[in-house]
Every structure is written in structure tokens, then in C-alpha cells.
Amino acid sequence: MTRPRVFEKPLGMRDWLPDELAKRRRIEARVLARMAAWGYREIETPTLEYDDTVGKASATADDQRFTLLDRQGMALVLRPDMTAPIARVAASLLRGEALPLRLCYRASVFRRPRKDAGHSAEFPQLGVELIGDGAADADAEVIALAVDCLRAAGVARFSLAVGHMGFLAGLLESTVPDAALRGELKRFLARRDFVGFRQAVGRSTLPDAAKKRLLALLALRGGAETLEAAARVVGGGACGAALETLYRLWDVLAAYEVTDCVGVDLTLIGHLGYYTGVLFEGYAADHGFPILHGGRYDHLMALFARPAPATGFALVLDRVWEVSTLELEPDPPAVTVVYDDAHRAEALQTARRLREEGRVVVTRWVADADAAVRMAEQANGAVLCFLDKGPVACGPATGRERR
């Protein structure tokens, strides 16, 4: 028999200690309250799903999914995202409800970490899905809600970058005939490796005009003026249609009064393969990884036989927790009820009454009065001692009395 791993955790997993979890729960409560205020209803789906439905629909690579077999030999998966499970529910249990659906969730998703240290395998998330509305106003709604949620979570300084899959796909397809090179360039953009992108373009056999056009893409990041610059780089077609959507999106975001923390980044490609239109990421100051990601996925619902446009986002909760400035209010000091064998019933009845009044109460059995005094000296709050000579109020707030 092998020796148990007493102190180790599986790679990529973490423990949440009481103070950490208290802050996380406060963030969750505040963010869920904002989602509810915008009309989003909370939903919960199973941690385990069928791999050939939710797993495949998630667009998460096979080697990133945690899979196992049930007793019938069916492949199961620890959900790698929440969008695909919610799409499944929207197309089945909620099929009778009229669109659009506004749903929100708090849940963990799971993806296999790379072998090197420092990468998570479990991602606690808070997110929303807006299913059944294909307008740019719907994209603007979820972006404005994301801003509201980040503020509620106590993220003091942040920015959202907005792009469009149609613009990027249209530019690459009209400029790079070779599919293998297009795939390579997309991988560089997905990793935000702009040096690698430049090098790949430079060593390619593309005409100079095409190379210039591709390198101009890297400068298409900034404010609303970026859309004007992008229009000069491309013509019509898919790129032009994407820009028209982004122009309208910007107007709606201006009406929401959130453009001060939103910018345009036409190099965004997203980390999930089902994005089809507007996509966005959120970044906090002095934090190198996205704390929020989202976008439009108009083709996913068709995989579950209820075609509908959809958009949404997810906050990466452990990263939000790291940058949140929310401070926990100190817990009220607990009342310690100390008792011996003879006064157990009386002491526990008192503890119950105090809890019903809203007090925090811990109970401790002691063998004698000396042990009660030592316990009272270590307590932070009031101590009630139920010993041989009856109830005695003692502790920091009332003074200690030995019986």
C-alpha cells in the first residue's frame, strides 16, 4: 500500500482558507446582486456532463478536458466551461420559455493544467448568458453589466478590450491564402505573442502589400479612433460588416456611459473556438492575466437543436479576488459558553437562545473552574461560565470572575 499524500493537492487545485473564502463569498454576493438587478436569473448545472455533448460543444481541446467513464461505459467530463451546459439547459428544460433568456451562474470549471507549475485546473467563475438576442445592443448590455460587476467586486482600476472575430477572420482570409499560415498567425495572437506574429509574417512568402496589411493589424488597439484606422486598412466584406457592428456597439456603450473603461483591440481572438462576433476581455491594473472574458457565440445553440444568437461573459473569480479592494468587516466577537457536566443542559439552552438572538456562540466543556479561567483569559469576547456555583459572566467585556 502506498503512503497517502497527506499535505499535497492535485496539480492546479487550491484550498480556500476561511478569511479568503469569506472575501470570495462577499464578492460573489455583490456581483450576483448586480446580475439580478439587470434581470438575470441564477442557474446551476451538474459538475459532470456527457463528453459527447457538453464536452465536445465546449470547444475545449481533448487534452484539456478531464474525462472518465461511468459504469455503462459512457464518457463523462468535468465541465470545461459553463456556456455549453447552459446552452444544453436552454435548449431542453427551458425550451418552452420565450427568448431572450437572461441567466447567470456561479460555478467552477475544470481544465487540465500544463505540467509546469503555476497553472490552475479549477476556475471558480461568475457569469451571465444572454440567449436569443442578436443585436449589438445585447453585446453592449453584457459589456456594461461586466463593468458594473467589476465595480461591485471592488476592482478599483480595470479596462475592457473589445474586438470582433469577423474582422480578424475576414482580414486573415482575404490576406493569407495558406490555411496553415493563418492557423499559425491565429495561435500567435491567441498567446498575445506579437513578436512571434511579426516574425512569422516577415519570413512568409506573402507579397509586401499583404505583409504591410497584417502588421498594421497590431496597431489597431486604442479608443474609438481605432475603428477609423481599421477602416483604412481593410475594405468591405466581412471586415466592413464587423466594423459596422463595432461602430453601433460603441454608440450603445456611450449611452451606457462606460466608454471610459472600454477600448478597441482588433487583435483579440478569444480562447474558446465558438466565438462568432463581438468578443472582449477585462484586465485589472498590475495584473498580467485577464480577469474576465466573454463574447458572442451565435452557432452554439444550434448544436442543441435550438438555434439562437447568444452572448455572455465570465469573471475569473480567483483573479478578481486577488485584485479586489473589498475589505471584510470584522466578525463580531463570539460568546464562549463554558460548562461542566452538572450544568450542560442549562449552558446549551443559553447558547441556543443567544444564537436565536443573532449572536455567534461557541461552547466548551471543561473539567473544573481552573480550566474555565484559563479559557476565559484566552477569549476575545464575553465568556459565560456554567459551573458548580451557577452561571457566572466573565471575559474581556465583563471582567473575569472565578468560582
Protein backbone atom coordinates (compact mmCIF):
# COMPACT_ATOMS: atom_id res chain seq x y z
CA MET A 1 0.00 0.00 0.00
CA THR A 2 1.40 3.39 -0.98
CA ARG A 3 1.80 6.09 1.61
CA PRO A 4 -1.08 8.63 1.45
CA ARG A 5 -0.30 12.13 0.20
CA VAL A 6 -1.16 13.90 3.44
CA PHE A 7 -0.39 17.51 2.53
CA GLU A 8 -0.36 17.52 -1.28
CA LYS A 9 -3.16 18.53 -3.64
CA PRO A 10 -3.67 17.55 -7.27
CA LEU A 11 -1.84 19.80 -9.70
CA GLY A 12 -3.70 23.03 -10.33
CA MET A 13 -6.09 22.81 -7.36
CA ARG A 14 -6.17 25.19 -4.38
CA ASP A 15 -7.57 25.42 -0.88
CA TRP A 16 -9.66 28.42 0.21
CA LEU A 17 -8.96 29.29 3.83
CA PRO A 18 -11.71 30.86 5.99
CA ASP A 19 -10.71 34.53 5.55
CA GLU A 20 -10.07 34.02 1.82
CA LEU A 21 -13.39 32.29 1.35
CA ALA A 22 -15.21 34.98 3.31
CA LYS A 23 -13.90 37.63 0.92
CA ARG A 24 -14.77 35.45 -2.08
CA ARG A 25 -18.33 34.96 -0.80
CA ARG A 26 -18.72 38.70 -0.32
CA ILE A 27 -17.59 39.29 -3.91
CA GLU A 28 -19.99 36.62 -5.14
CA ALA A 29 -22.92 38.11 -3.23
CA ARG A 30 -22.28 41.63 -4.51
CA VAL A 31 -21.81 40.52 -8.13
CA LEU A 32 -24.85 38.22 -8.14
CA ALA A 33 -26.92 41.09 -6.76
CA ARG A 34 -25.88 43.26 -9.72
CA MET A 35 -26.71 40.47 -12.18
CA ALA A 36 -30.14 40.06 -10.58
CA ALA A 37 -30.69 43.82 -10.84
CA TRP A 38 -30.21 43.52 -14.62
CA GLY A 39 -32.80 40.73 -14.84
CA TYR A 40 -30.53 37.67 -14.85
CA ARG A 41 -31.75 34.56 -13.03
CA GLU A 42 -29.30 32.19 -11.37
CA ILE A 43 -28.97 28.66 -12.73
CA GLU A 44 -26.92 25.64 -11.61
CA THR A 45 -25.85 22.71 -13.78
CA PRO A 46 -24.10 19.41 -12.92
CA THR A 47 -20.35 19.27 -12.43
CA LEU A 48 -20.29 16.11 -14.59
CA GLU A 49 -21.69 16.15 -18.12
CA TYR A 50 -21.55 13.80 -21.10
CA ASP A 51 -18.39 14.37 -23.08
CA ASP A 52 -20.00 13.82 -26.48
CA THR A 53 -22.49 16.63 -25.83
CA VAL A 54 -21.26 19.34 -23.48
CA GLY A 55 -17.61 18.30 -23.71
CA LYS A 56 -17.41 18.46 -27.48
CA ALA A 57 -19.64 21.54 -27.69
CA SER A 58 -17.37 23.44 -25.31
CA ALA A 59 -14.65 23.70 -27.99
CA THR A 60 -12.09 22.83 -25.31
CA ALA A 61 -9.30 20.65 -26.71
CA ASP A 62 -9.43 16.94 -25.89
CA ASP A 63 -6.19 17.07 -23.92
CA GLN A 64 -7.56 19.88 -21.74
CA ARG A 65 -10.71 18.07 -20.61
CA PHE A 66 -10.94 15.88 -17.51
CA THR A 67 -12.76 12.75 -18.69
CA LEU A 68 -13.82 9.49 -17.04
CA LEU A 69 -16.14 6.59 -17.74
CA ASP A 70 -19.36 5.75 -15.90
CA ARG A 71 -20.47 2.17 -15.21
CA GLN A 72 -22.22 1.99 -18.57
CA GLY A 73 -19.02 2.93 -20.38
CA MET A 74 -20.22 6.42 -21.28
CA ALA A 75 -17.56 9.13 -21.34
CA LEU A 76 -18.17 11.88 -18.79
CA VAL A 77 -16.38 15.20 -18.46
CA LEU A 78 -15.83 17.68 -15.66
CA ARG A 79 -17.45 20.72 -17.25
CA PRO A 80 -14.71 22.72 -19.01
CA ASP A 81 -16.89 25.82 -19.29
CA MET A 82 -20.39 26.94 -18.29
CA THR A 83 -21.65 28.23 -21.62
CA ALA A 84 -22.19 24.80 -23.18
CA PRO A 85 -24.09 23.36 -20.16
CA ILE A 86 -26.35 26.41 -20.05
CA ALA A 87 -26.96 26.11 -23.80
CA ARG A 88 -28.00 22.50 -23.17
CA VAL A 89 -30.48 23.58 -20.49
CA ALA A 90 -31.81 26.46 -22.60
CA ALA A 91 -32.50 24.04 -25.44
CA SER A 92 -34.17 21.40 -23.25
CA LEU A 93 -35.59 22.24 -19.82
CA LEU A 94 -36.13 25.90 -20.77
CA ARG A 95 -37.22 25.24 -24.32
CA GLY A 96 -40.76 26.39 -23.54
CA GLU A 97 -39.61 29.79 -22.27
CA ALA A 98 -39.66 32.69 -24.69
CA LEU A 99 -36.40 34.22 -25.84
CA PRO A 100 -34.38 36.10 -24.88
CA LEU A 101 -33.24 34.24 -21.76
CA ARG A 102 -31.11 36.02 -19.19
CA LEU A 103 -29.27 33.54 -16.98
CA CYS A 104 -26.39 33.85 -14.52
CA TYR A 105 -24.30 31.37 -12.57
CA ARG A 106 -21.53 30.79 -10.06
CA ALA A 107 -19.61 27.57 -10.57
CA SER A 108 -16.19 26.05 -11.08
CA VAL A 109 -14.98 24.83 -14.46
CA PHE A 110 -12.12 22.42 -14.94
CA ARG A 111 -9.32 22.17 -17.50
CA ARG A 112 -6.15 20.14 -17.38
CA PRO A 113 -3.17 22.32 -16.44
CA ARG A 114 0.12 22.21 -18.23
CA LYS A 115 2.86 20.27 -16.46
CA ASP A 116 4.77 23.36 -15.38
CA ALA A 117 3.76 24.86 -12.05
CA GLY A 118 1.54 27.86 -11.55
CA HIS A 119 -1.38 26.95 -13.81
CA SER A 120 -4.84 26.32 -12.42
CA ALA A 121 -7.02 23.32 -13.16
CA GLU A 122 -10.13 24.62 -11.38
CA PHE A 123 -11.56 28.04 -12.21
CA PRO A 124 -14.30 29.47 -9.98
CA GLN A 125 -16.44 31.72 -12.15
CA LEU A 126 -19.35 34.13 -12.04
CA GLY A 127 -21.01 34.74 -15.37
CA VAL A 128 -24.07 35.53 -17.47
CA GLU A 129 -25.57 34.28 -20.71
CA LEU A 130 -28.00 36.33 -22.81
CA ILE A 131 -29.60 33.88 -25.23
CA GLY A 132 -31.86 34.86 -28.10
CA ASP A 133 -30.83 38.45 -28.89
CA GLY A 134 -28.52 39.07 -31.84
CA ALA A 135 -28.45 42.88 -31.72
CA ALA A 136 -25.37 44.94 -30.98
CA ASP A 137 -27.39 46.35 -28.07
CA ALA A 138 -27.26 42.87 -26.48
CA ASP A 139 -23.47 42.82 -26.79
CA ALA A 140 -23.36 46.27 -25.22
CA GLU A 141 -25.65 45.13 -22.41
CA VAL A 142 -23.38 42.31 -21.30
CA ILE A 143 -20.28 44.54 -21.60
CA ALA A 144 -21.94 47.26 -19.50
CA LEU A 145 -23.04 44.63 -16.99
CA ALA A 146 -19.46 43.31 -16.86
CA VAL A 147 -18.29 46.82 -15.96
CA ASP A 148 -20.97 47.01 -13.26
CA CYS A 149 -19.91 43.63 -11.87
CA LEU A 150 -16.21 44.53 -11.73
CA ARG A 151 -17.04 47.69 -9.83
CA ALA A 152 -19.26 45.73 -7.43
CA ALA A 153 -16.42 43.23 -6.93
CA GLY A 154 -14.14 46.02 -5.72
CA VAL A 155 -11.78 46.07 -8.71
CA ALA A 156 -10.55 49.65 -8.49
CA ARG A 157 -8.75 50.03 -11.82
CA PHE A 158 -9.61 47.95 -14.87
CA SER A 159 -10.22 48.14 -18.59
CA LEU A 160 -12.12 46.06 -21.12
CA ALA A 161 -10.76 45.39 -24.60
CA VAL A 162 -13.36 44.74 -27.33
CA GLY A 163 -12.72 43.06 -30.67
CA HIS A 164 -14.63 41.18 -33.36
CA MET A 165 -13.99 37.69 -34.67
CA GLY A 166 -15.43 38.63 -38.07
CA PHE A 167 -12.92 41.42 -38.57
CA LEU A 168 -9.93 39.25 -37.71
CA ALA A 169 -11.17 36.24 -39.71
CA GLY A 170 -12.01 38.43 -42.70
CA LEU A 171 -8.61 40.12 -42.68
CA LEU A 172 -6.68 36.84 -42.45
CA GLU A 173 -8.76 35.01 -45.04
CA SER A 174 -8.51 37.85 -47.57
CA THR A 175 -4.78 38.35 -47.00
CA VAL A 176 -3.31 34.90 -46.24
CA PRO A 177 -4.28 32.17 -48.78
CA ASP A 178 -2.38 29.44 -46.92
CA ALA A 179 -4.55 27.87 -44.18
CA ALA A 180 -1.51 26.61 -42.25
CA LEU A 181 -0.05 30.12 -42.04
CA ARG A 182 -3.43 31.52 -40.99
CA GLY A 183 -3.55 28.98 -38.18
CA GLU A 184 -0.03 29.86 -37.09
CA LEU A 185 -0.83 33.58 -37.02
CA LYS A 186 -4.01 32.94 -35.00
CA ARG A 187 -2.03 30.97 -32.43
CA PHE A 188 0.41 33.85 -32.00
CA LEU A 189 -2.47 36.26 -31.49
CA ALA A 190 -4.17 33.92 -29.03
CA ARG A 191 -0.96 33.87 -26.96
CA ARG A 192 -0.58 37.65 -27.34
CA ASP A 193 2.82 36.92 -28.88
CA PHE A 194 3.13 39.88 -31.21
CA VAL A 195 6.87 39.36 -31.70
CA GLY A 196 6.21 35.85 -32.99
CA PHE A 197 3.42 37.21 -35.21
CA ARG A 198 5.78 39.77 -36.76
CA GLN A 199 8.46 37.16 -37.33
CA ALA A 200 6.01 34.73 -38.96
CA VAL A 201 4.74 37.46 -41.29
CA GLY A 202 8.29 38.54 -42.10
CA ARG A 203 9.53 35.10 -43.12
CA SER A 204 6.39 34.28 -45.13
CA THR A 205 6.27 34.47 -48.94
CA LEU A 206 3.33 36.87 -48.91
CA PRO A 207 3.51 39.99 -51.11
CA ASP A 208 4.81 43.11 -49.40
CA ALA A 209 1.37 44.74 -49.52
CA ALA A 210 -0.15 41.78 -47.67
CA LYS A 211 2.63 41.85 -45.06
CA LYS A 212 2.08 45.56 -44.51
CA ARG A 213 -1.63 44.96 -44.06
CA LEU A 214 -1.07 42.22 -41.48
CA LEU A 215 1.46 44.21 -39.49
CA ALA A 216 -0.94 47.15 -39.44
CA LEU A 217 -3.32 44.90 -37.52
CA LEU A 218 -1.06 45.05 -34.47
CA ALA A 219 -1.59 48.81 -34.21
CA LEU A 220 -5.38 48.52 -34.19
CA ARG A 221 -5.72 48.95 -30.44
CA GLY A 222 -7.00 52.03 -28.66
CA GLY A 223 -10.18 54.09 -28.42
CA ALA A 224 -12.95 54.79 -30.90
CA GLU A 225 -10.41 56.24 -33.32
CA THR A 226 -9.16 52.67 -33.82
CA LEU A 227 -12.27 51.91 -35.86
CA GLU A 228 -11.41 54.71 -38.29
CA ALA A 229 -7.86 53.39 -38.60
CA ALA A 230 -9.18 49.87 -39.21
CA ALA A 231 -11.45 51.11 -41.98
CA ARG A 232 -8.39 52.47 -43.79
CA VAL A 233 -6.63 49.09 -43.54
CA VAL A 234 -9.48 46.99 -44.94
CA GLY A 235 -12.21 47.36 -47.49
CA GLY A 236 -15.73 45.98 -47.24
CA GLY A 237 -16.78 42.36 -46.94
CA ALA A 238 -16.64 40.61 -43.58
CA CYS A 239 -14.24 43.19 -42.17
CA GLY A 240 -16.52 46.07 -43.13
CA ALA A 241 -19.57 44.37 -41.61
CA ALA A 242 -17.67 43.75 -38.38
CA LEU A 243 -16.65 47.40 -38.19
CA GLU A 244 -20.26 48.50 -38.68
CA THR A 245 -21.24 46.33 -35.73
CA LEU A 246 -18.45 47.83 -33.62
CA TYR A 247 -19.49 51.38 -34.55
CA ARG A 248 -23.02 50.66 -33.34
CA LEU A 249 -21.70 48.88 -30.26
CA TRP A 250 -19.60 51.91 -29.35
CA ASP A 251 -22.63 54.20 -29.64
CA VAL A 252 -24.61 51.97 -27.26
CA LEU A 253 -21.69 51.74 -24.82
CA ALA A 254 -21.53 55.54 -24.86
CA ALA A 255 -25.21 55.61 -23.91
CA TYR A 256 -24.38 53.27 -21.01
CA GLU A 257 -21.58 55.73 -20.08
CA VAL A 258 -18.90 53.04 -19.85
CA THR A 259 -16.58 54.02 -22.72
CA ASP A 260 -14.13 55.50 -20.21
CA CYS A 261 -13.09 51.94 -19.26
CA VAL A 262 -13.60 50.22 -22.64
CA GLY A 263 -11.19 50.18 -25.58
CA VAL A 264 -10.96 48.54 -29.00
CA ASP A 265 -8.48 45.74 -29.70
CA LEU A 266 -8.89 44.15 -33.12
CA THR A 267 -6.15 41.60 -32.40
CA LEU A 268 -8.40 39.74 -29.93
CA ILE A 269 -9.12 36.19 -30.97
CA GLY A 270 -10.57 34.62 -27.81
CA HIS A 271 -9.65 31.42 -26.01
CA LEU A 272 -12.78 29.44 -27.00
CA GLY A 273 -13.48 28.32 -30.52
CA TYR A 274 -17.20 29.07 -30.58
CA TYR A 275 -16.97 32.88 -30.57
CA THR A 276 -18.53 34.31 -33.74
CA GLY A 277 -18.72 38.10 -33.37
CA VAL A 278 -18.01 40.70 -30.71
CA LEU A 279 -15.65 39.42 -28.02
CA PHE A 280 -13.99 41.10 -25.08
CA GLU A 281 -11.56 40.65 -22.21
CA GLY A 282 -11.14 42.50 -18.93
CA TYR A 283 -7.83 43.40 -17.32
CA ALA A 284 -7.01 44.84 -13.91
CA ALA A 285 -4.14 47.23 -13.33
CA ASP A 286 -0.90 45.46 -12.38
CA HIS A 287 -2.30 42.01 -13.21
CA GLY A 288 -0.96 40.16 -16.23
CA PHE A 289 -3.87 37.83 -16.95
CA PRO A 290 -7.47 38.51 -17.99
CA ILE A 291 -9.90 38.67 -15.09
CA LEU A 292 -12.92 38.49 -17.38
CA HIS A 293 -13.68 37.15 -20.85
CA GLY A 294 -16.77 36.97 -22.99
CA GLY A 295 -18.28 37.32 -26.41
CA ARG A 296 -20.92 36.34 -28.93
CA TYR A 297 -21.47 32.68 -29.86
CA ASP A 298 -24.29 32.56 -32.38
CA HIS A 299 -23.72 28.97 -33.56
CA LEU A 300 -23.53 27.06 -30.28
CA MET A 301 -27.26 26.80 -29.61
CA ALA A 302 -27.79 25.05 -32.96
CA LEU A 303 -25.71 22.12 -31.65
CA PHE A 304 -28.52 21.56 -29.13
CA ALA A 305 -31.30 21.87 -31.73
CA ARG A 306 -32.48 25.33 -30.67
CA PRO A 307 -30.70 27.80 -32.98
CA ALA A 308 -30.43 31.23 -31.40
CA PRO A 309 -27.91 34.06 -31.18
CA ALA A 310 -26.26 34.43 -27.78
CA THR A 311 -23.63 36.34 -25.87
CA GLY A 312 -22.21 36.38 -22.35
CA PHE A 313 -19.17 36.67 -20.12
CA ALA A 314 -17.46 35.07 -17.13
CA LEU A 315 -15.41 36.59 -14.33
CA VAL A 316 -12.36 34.51 -13.35
CA LEU A 317 -13.10 34.66 -9.65
CA ASP A 318 -9.73 33.78 -8.15
CA ARG A 319 -8.09 36.54 -10.21
CA VAL A 320 -10.82 39.01 -9.28
CA TRP A 321 -10.27 38.02 -5.65
CA GLU A 322 -6.57 38.87 -5.95
CA VAL A 323 -7.18 42.42 -7.20
CA SER A 324 -10.35 43.26 -5.27
CA THR A 325 -10.04 46.10 -2.77
CA LEU A 326 -13.08 44.96 -0.79
CA GLU A 327 -12.33 44.66 2.90
CA LEU A 328 -14.18 42.32 5.20
CA GLU A 329 -16.00 43.77 8.14
CA PRO A 330 -14.61 42.20 11.31
CA ASP A 331 -16.73 39.39 12.65
CA PRO A 332 -18.47 40.19 15.93
CA PRO A 333 -16.64 38.57 18.83
CA ALA A 334 -18.09 35.21 19.73
CA VAL A 335 -19.61 34.48 23.11
CA THR A 336 -17.93 31.48 24.68
CA VAL A 337 -20.19 29.34 26.85
CA VAL A 338 -18.16 27.20 29.23
CA TYR A 339 -19.81 24.44 31.23
CA ASP A 340 -19.18 21.35 33.30
CA ASP A 341 -21.12 18.10 33.46
CA ALA A 342 -23.58 19.33 36.04
CA HIS A 343 -24.65 22.39 34.05
CA ARG A 344 -24.55 21.10 30.47
CA ALA A 345 -28.29 21.39 29.76
CA GLU A 346 -28.56 24.92 31.15
CA ALA A 347 -25.47 26.08 29.24
CA LEU A 348 -26.58 24.64 25.90
CA GLN A 349 -30.06 26.13 26.28
CA THR A 350 -28.44 29.54 26.88
CA ALA A 351 -26.23 29.08 23.83
CA ARG A 352 -29.27 28.28 21.69
CA ARG A 353 -31.13 31.37 22.94
CA LEU A 354 -28.16 33.62 22.18
CA ARG A 355 -27.85 32.20 18.66
CA GLU A 356 -31.54 32.83 18.06
CA GLU A 357 -30.86 36.44 19.05
CA GLY A 358 -28.21 36.63 16.33
CA ARG A 359 -25.10 36.18 18.47
CA VAL A 360 -22.14 33.98 17.49
CA VAL A 361 -21.69 31.37 20.20
CA VAL A 362 -19.13 28.63 20.75
CA THR A 363 -19.43 26.08 23.54
CA ARG A 364 -16.68 24.38 25.52
CA TRP A 365 -16.83 21.65 28.13
CA VAL A 366 -14.33 21.94 30.98
CA ALA A 367 -13.43 19.63 33.81
CA ASP A 368 -13.07 22.29 36.51
CA ALA A 369 -13.14 26.01 37.28
CA ASP A 370 -9.40 26.46 36.79
CA ALA A 371 -9.73 25.30 33.17
CA ALA A 372 -12.61 27.75 32.70
CA VAL A 373 -10.49 30.65 33.96
CA ARG A 374 -7.65 29.76 31.59
CA MET A 375 -10.10 29.60 28.71
CA ALA A 376 -11.62 32.96 29.65
CA GLU A 377 -8.18 34.58 29.63
CA GLN A 378 -7.65 33.46 26.03
CA ALA A 379 -11.07 34.50 24.72
CA ASN A 380 -11.61 37.62 22.61
CA GLY A 381 -15.27 38.09 23.58
CA ALA A 382 -17.53 37.54 26.51
CA VAL A 383 -17.40 34.26 28.38
CA LEU A 384 -20.31 32.71 30.24
CA CYS A 385 -19.26 30.06 32.75
CA PHE A 386 -21.78 27.48 33.92
CA LEU A 387 -20.03 25.71 36.77
CA ASP A 388 -20.78 24.30 40.21
CA LYS A 389 -21.90 27.63 41.72
CA GLY A 390 -24.20 28.59 38.82
CA PRO A 391 -23.93 30.97 35.85
CA VAL A 392 -21.03 33.42 36.05
CA ALA A 393 -20.49 36.21 33.49
CA CYS A 394 -16.79 36.61 32.80
CA GLY A 395 -14.49 37.63 29.98
CA PRO A 396 -12.87 40.76 28.50
CA ALA A 397 -16.14 42.69 28.25
CA THR A 398 -17.45 41.97 31.73
CA GLY A 399 -14.44 41.16 33.84
CA ARG A 400 -13.45 37.65 34.83
CA GLU A 401 -14.74 36.05 37.94
CA ARG A 402 -13.52 32.79 39.31
CA ARG A 403 -15.83 30.48 41.23
